[in-house]
Amino acid sequence: QLIFDEKTGNEKEVDEKEWKEITQSIVDPESGMFHKGEKERCFAYSQHAICDHHGFVIAVKTFPGNMHDSVTFFETYESIPEEIRENIHQIALDAGYKTPGIARFLEKREVIAYLPYKRPMTKKGYFKKSEYEYDAEKNQYICPNGEVMKYTTTNRTGYNEYKSDPKKCENCPLINQCTQSKNHTKLIQRHVWQEYLDHAEERRNTAQWKSHYKNRKETIEKVFAENKEYHNLRYTRVRGLEKNQFQATMIFACHNLMKMARRKWDIKEMQEKKWEEMAKK
């Protein structure tokens, strides 16, 4: 297969494995095919927003619906005004953002990340990855039967690969709970930045995590719920990435203005009540 290389202006040969089929909308090519869980597949845009602990939105970015949260996070975070970004010390994220890259990105910026528990994707009846003990000093894994799984290579996606000895696994009494491999080899992958994710996982069992993470339902979850219900954030009314970014910005700006007005009104009411009590005395 030959494709045109825009950088060199020449044609170059590409392996068939590098090709990826993408479904594109004829009406709105900038949108992306969205599919999550049992929801119907449709062309859509996704809004990614960050708010403070009062529920005021400080950044919002629009992306095609087929882009994963872990990819869009970096651009969304960098869109926060610099004077606000410098004062961010803690952030709570949902499971879609729980990746080694994001954990490292935040730790390097001295931002404490509060990430949720993510259920392992292991098949029923098989050992979970956490049941294989990692030896950081020797850079190897120990399987539930006590055998060593040695490091073999680092693949192109940034994962270290650890493989078992097929001769020892062939007659292992636990092999049916370990692997379905035809050559009796168990493979475990560990990201090169896994240590940053481990730091966030250790933090999940602290009192700080419990007190901070529960605030998500009162801040960002509430923000999206209100804007979907009352300000038409649930549906796209325009075509194109730029127009949808403008629409989302206006929706969240109105949300901030309404929230500010309510807060000022509450303060005014509190002051009036206080004056009435003082007048009675």
Protein backbone atom coordinates (compact mmCIF):
# COMPACT_ATOMS: atom_id res chain seq x y z
CA GLN A 1 0.00 0.00 0.00
CA LEU A 2 1.27 3.47 -0.92
CA ILE A 3 0.13 6.74 0.68
CA PHE A 4 1.11 10.36 0.15
CA ASP A 5 3.45 11.77 2.80
CA GLU A 6 2.64 15.47 3.31
CA LYS A 7 5.97 16.14 5.07
CA THR A 8 8.22 14.91 2.25
CA GLY A 9 5.84 15.29 -0.67
CA ASN A 10 6.54 11.73 -1.75
CA GLU A 11 4.67 8.44 -1.65
CA LYS A 12 5.66 5.93 1.02
CA GLU A 13 4.83 2.31 1.63
CA VAL A 14 2.73 1.48 4.68
CA ASP A 15 2.12 -1.92 6.23
CA GLU A 16 -1.50 -3.08 6.23
CA LYS A 17 -1.35 -3.44 10.03
CA GLU A 18 -0.93 0.37 10.32
CA TRP A 19 -4.21 1.02 8.50
CA LYS A 20 -7.24 1.89 10.58
CA GLU A 21 -10.78 2.07 9.24
CA ILE A 22 -12.70 5.12 10.47
CA THR A 23 -16.40 5.78 9.93
CA GLN A 24 -16.82 9.41 8.90
CA SER A 25 -19.96 11.51 8.64
CA ILE A 26 -20.76 12.98 5.22
CA VAL A 27 -22.84 15.78 6.77
CA ASP A 28 -20.30 16.75 9.47
CA PRO A 29 -16.83 15.22 8.86
CA GLU A 30 -15.38 16.85 12.01
CA SER A 31 -17.67 14.84 14.29
CA GLY A 32 -16.77 11.35 15.55
CA MET A 33 -18.61 8.06 15.95
CA PHE A 34 -19.63 7.88 19.62
CA HIS A 35 -20.34 4.53 21.24
CA LYS A 36 -20.32 3.81 24.95
CA GLY A 37 -21.83 0.85 26.74
CA GLU A 38 -25.35 0.12 25.57
CA LYS A 39 -25.84 3.55 24.02
CA GLU A 40 -26.71 3.80 20.35
CA ARG A 41 -23.86 4.52 17.95
CA CYS A 42 -24.07 8.05 16.57
CA PHE A 43 -21.93 10.88 15.23
CA ALA A 44 -21.33 13.33 18.06
CA TYR A 45 -19.04 15.74 19.87
CA SER A 46 -17.91 15.43 23.48
CA GLN A 47 -17.45 18.28 25.93
CA HIS A 48 -14.67 18.05 28.50
CA ALA A 49 -14.87 20.53 31.35
CA ILE A 50 -12.91 21.26 34.53
CA CYS A 51 -14.47 23.14 37.45
CA ASP A 52 -13.27 24.37 40.84
CA HIS A 53 -14.55 23.17 44.23
CA HIS A 54 -17.39 25.72 44.07
CA GLY A 55 -18.68 24.34 40.76
CA PHE A 56 -17.49 27.24 38.56
CA VAL A 57 -16.26 25.96 35.18
CA ILE A 58 -12.69 27.13 34.51
CA ALA A 59 -12.03 25.30 31.22
CA VAL A 60 -14.03 23.55 28.50
CA LYS A 61 -12.86 21.89 25.28
CA THR A 62 -14.83 20.21 22.51
CA PHE A 63 -13.58 17.07 20.74
CA PRO A 64 -14.97 14.57 18.22
CA GLY A 65 -17.06 11.89 19.93
CA ASN A 66 -14.65 9.07 19.06
CA MET A 67 -11.74 10.49 21.08
CA HIS A 68 -11.04 8.83 24.44
CA ASP A 69 -10.94 10.83 27.68
CA SER A 70 -7.31 9.86 28.29
CA VAL A 71 -6.31 11.55 24.99
CA THR A 72 -8.33 14.74 25.41
CA PHE A 73 -7.27 15.44 29.00
CA PHE A 74 -3.93 17.07 28.24
CA GLU A 75 -5.31 19.72 25.88
CA THR A 76 -8.23 20.40 28.21
CA TYR A 77 -5.91 20.88 31.21
CA GLU A 78 -3.55 23.16 29.29
CA SER A 79 -6.53 25.33 28.26
CA ILE A 80 -6.96 26.41 31.90
CA PRO A 81 -5.78 30.03 32.29
CA GLU A 82 -2.19 30.06 33.50
CA GLU A 83 -2.89 32.15 36.61
CA ILE A 84 -5.46 29.54 37.71
CA ARG A 85 -3.42 26.52 36.63
CA GLU A 86 -0.47 27.59 38.79
CA ASN A 87 -2.70 27.42 41.88
CA ILE A 88 -4.07 23.92 41.25
CA HIS A 89 -2.74 21.50 43.86
CA GLN A 90 -5.39 18.75 43.85
CA ILE A 91 -7.67 17.31 41.17
CA ALA A 92 -10.29 14.53 41.16
CA LEU A 93 -10.89 12.61 37.93
CA ASP A 94 -13.18 9.79 36.86
CA ALA A 95 -12.14 6.33 35.65
CA GLY A 96 -11.72 7.40 32.01
CA TYR A 97 -8.68 9.48 32.99
CA LYS A 98 -6.96 6.77 35.03
CA THR A 99 -3.87 6.15 32.90
CA PRO A 100 -0.11 6.13 33.65
CA GLY A 101 0.42 9.07 31.28
CA ILE A 102 -2.07 11.33 33.09
CA ALA A 103 -0.81 10.25 36.54
CA ARG A 104 2.75 11.13 35.50
CA PHE A 105 1.66 14.41 33.86
CA LEU A 106 0.02 15.60 37.09
CA GLU A 107 2.72 14.35 39.47
CA LYS A 108 5.41 16.16 37.46
CA ARG A 109 3.40 19.36 37.98
CA GLU A 110 3.07 18.64 41.72
CA VAL A 111 -0.69 18.17 41.44
CA ILE A 112 -2.19 15.49 43.69
CA ALA A 113 -4.49 13.28 41.59
CA TYR A 114 -7.47 11.53 43.21
CA LEU A 115 -8.43 8.65 40.91
CA PRO A 116 -11.20 6.06 41.45
CA TYR A 117 -11.13 2.29 41.71
CA LYS A 118 -11.19 0.65 38.28
CA ARG A 119 -12.44 -2.90 38.03
CA PRO A 120 -9.93 -5.31 36.43
CA MET A 121 -10.81 -6.55 32.94
CA THR A 122 -9.74 -10.12 33.79
CA LYS A 123 -11.94 -12.97 32.56
CA LYS A 124 -14.01 -14.75 35.17
CA GLY A 125 -12.17 -17.68 36.73
CA TYR A 126 -8.67 -16.33 36.03
CA PHE A 127 -6.10 -14.71 38.31
CA LYS A 128 -6.16 -10.92 38.44
CA LYS A 129 -3.03 -8.98 37.60
CA SER A 130 -2.77 -7.87 41.23
CA GLU A 131 -2.33 -11.52 42.24
CA TYR A 132 1.02 -11.58 40.43
CA GLU A 133 3.66 -10.02 42.71
CA TYR A 134 5.99 -7.47 41.13
CA ASP A 135 9.63 -7.44 42.29
CA ALA A 136 10.86 -3.92 41.54
CA GLU A 137 14.46 -4.67 42.55
CA LYS A 138 14.85 -7.55 40.08
CA ASN A 139 12.30 -6.21 37.58
CA GLN A 140 10.29 -9.41 37.42
CA TYR A 141 6.93 -10.89 38.42
CA ILE A 142 6.19 -13.84 40.69
CA CYS A 143 3.15 -15.89 39.71
CA PRO A 144 0.68 -17.37 42.27
CA ASN A 145 2.54 -20.69 42.01
CA GLY A 146 5.84 -19.03 42.99
CA GLU A 147 7.50 -19.13 39.57
CA VAL A 148 9.47 -16.21 38.11
CA MET A 149 8.24 -14.29 35.07
CA LYS A 150 11.23 -12.50 33.54
CA TYR A 151 11.33 -9.25 31.59
CA THR A 152 11.64 -9.84 27.84
CA THR A 153 11.12 -6.57 25.95
CA THR A 154 9.40 -3.17 25.83
CA ASN A 155 6.81 -2.88 23.09
CA ARG A 156 6.00 0.14 20.90
CA THR A 157 3.13 1.26 23.13
CA GLY A 158 5.39 1.72 26.18
CA TYR A 159 4.68 -1.52 28.04
CA ASN A 160 7.34 -3.82 29.51
CA GLU A 161 6.54 -7.46 28.79
CA TYR A 162 7.13 -10.28 31.26
CA LYS A 163 6.81 -13.91 30.21
CA SER A 164 6.75 -17.20 32.08
CA ASP A 165 8.78 -20.31 31.29
CA PRO A 166 6.52 -22.57 29.15
CA LYS A 167 8.32 -25.70 30.37
CA LYS A 168 7.34 -24.94 33.98
CA CYS A 169 3.84 -23.73 33.07
CA GLU A 170 2.97 -26.83 31.04
CA ASN A 171 2.52 -29.02 34.12
CA CYS A 172 1.46 -26.26 36.54
CA PRO A 173 -1.68 -27.17 38.55
CA LEU A 174 -2.90 -23.55 38.30
CA ILE A 175 -2.50 -23.12 34.52
CA ASN A 176 -6.28 -23.19 33.90
CA GLN A 177 -6.61 -20.13 36.14
CA CYS A 178 -3.59 -18.41 34.61
CA THR A 179 -3.58 -18.52 30.81
CA GLN A 180 -5.25 -19.95 27.70
CA SER A 181 -2.04 -19.67 25.68
CA LYS A 182 -1.44 -22.61 23.32
CA ASN A 183 2.30 -22.51 24.02
CA HIS A 184 1.70 -22.41 27.81
CA THR A 185 3.24 -18.94 28.23
CA LYS A 186 1.76 -16.31 30.52
CA LEU A 187 2.31 -12.69 29.43
CA ILE A 188 2.01 -9.67 31.75
CA GLN A 189 2.41 -6.09 30.57
CA ARG A 190 3.50 -3.23 32.83
CA HIS A 191 3.67 0.35 31.62
CA VAL A 192 7.00 2.12 31.96
CA TRP A 193 5.19 4.86 33.95
CA GLN A 194 3.22 2.44 36.13
CA GLU A 195 4.91 3.76 39.29
CA TYR A 196 3.01 7.05 38.95
CA LEU A 197 -0.28 5.19 38.73
CA ASP A 198 0.71 3.14 41.77
CA HIS A 199 1.22 6.35 43.75
CA ALA A 200 -2.33 7.42 42.89
CA GLU A 201 -3.64 3.96 43.81
CA GLU A 202 -1.97 4.13 47.23
CA ARG A 203 -3.61 7.51 47.77
CA ARG A 204 -7.04 5.96 47.16
CA ASN A 205 -7.04 4.35 50.62
CA THR A 206 -6.43 7.63 52.49
CA ALA A 207 -8.89 9.86 54.30
CA GLN A 208 -8.01 12.73 51.95
CA TRP A 209 -9.17 10.72 48.93
CA LYS A 210 -12.49 9.89 50.59
CA SER A 211 -13.17 13.51 51.51
CA HIS A 212 -12.13 14.99 48.14
CA TYR A 213 -13.40 12.43 45.65
CA LYS A 214 -16.95 12.41 46.96
CA ASN A 215 -17.17 16.13 46.09
CA ARG A 216 -17.23 15.25 42.36
CA LYS A 217 -20.95 14.48 42.51
CA GLU A 218 -21.58 17.92 44.03
CA THR A 219 -19.38 19.80 41.54
CA ILE A 220 -18.57 18.56 38.03
CA GLU A 221 -21.28 15.86 37.95
CA LYS A 222 -23.85 18.43 39.00
CA VAL A 223 -22.52 20.92 36.43
CA PHE A 224 -23.04 18.49 33.55
CA ALA A 225 -26.43 17.33 34.89
CA GLU A 226 -27.79 20.88 35.13
CA ASN A 227 -26.47 21.96 31.72
CA LYS A 228 -27.77 18.85 29.99
CA GLU A 229 -31.18 19.24 31.58
CA TYR A 230 -31.68 23.01 31.35
CA HIS A 231 -29.22 24.39 28.76
CA ASN A 232 -29.36 21.90 25.86
CA LEU A 233 -25.85 20.51 26.36
CA ARG A 234 -27.22 17.03 25.67
CA TYR A 235 -27.73 17.71 21.94
CA THR A 236 -25.68 19.31 19.16
CA ARG A 237 -27.45 22.10 17.28
CA VAL A 238 -24.62 23.17 14.95
CA ARG A 239 -22.05 21.52 12.71
CA GLY A 240 -18.29 21.73 12.94
CA LEU A 241 -15.79 21.62 15.80
CA GLU A 242 -15.35 25.40 16.06
CA LYS A 243 -19.08 26.12 16.25
CA ASN A 244 -19.62 23.42 18.87
CA GLN A 245 -16.73 24.80 20.91
CA PHE A 246 -18.38 28.23 20.80
CA GLN A 247 -21.74 26.74 21.82
CA ALA A 248 -20.21 24.87 24.78
CA THR A 249 -18.31 27.97 25.90
CA MET A 250 -21.51 30.03 25.88
CA ILE A 251 -23.45 27.36 27.79
CA PHE A 252 -20.87 27.06 30.56
CA ALA A 253 -20.39 30.85 30.68
CA CYS A 254 -24.13 31.24 31.31
CA HIS A 255 -23.88 28.52 33.95
CA ASN A 256 -21.14 30.49 35.74
CA LEU A 257 -23.12 33.74 35.54
CA MET A 258 -26.25 32.11 36.95
CA LYS A 259 -24.24 30.49 39.73
CA MET A 260 -22.60 33.80 40.57
CA ALA A 261 -25.99 35.54 40.67
CA ARG A 262 -27.42 32.90 43.00
CA ARG A 263 -24.43 33.20 45.32
CA LYS A 264 -24.78 36.99 45.48
CA TRP A 265 -28.51 36.65 46.11
CA ASP A 266 -27.87 34.16 48.95
CA ILE A 267 -25.33 36.55 50.49
CA LYS A 268 -27.83 39.40 50.22
CA GLU A 269 -30.52 37.32 51.95
CA MET A 270 -28.13 36.34 54.73
CA GLN A 271 -27.21 39.99 55.30
CA GLU A 272 -30.88 41.05 55.39
CA LYS A 273 -31.71 38.35 57.94
CA LYS A 274 -28.74 39.42 60.02
CA TRP A 275 -29.89 43.07 59.94
CA GLU A 276 -33.42 42.03 60.95
CA GLU A 277 -32.10 40.06 63.92
CA MET A 278 -29.93 42.98 64.99
CA ALA A 279 -32.89 45.38 64.66
CA LYS A 280 -35.04 43.16 66.87
CA LYS A 281 -32.36 43.19 69.56
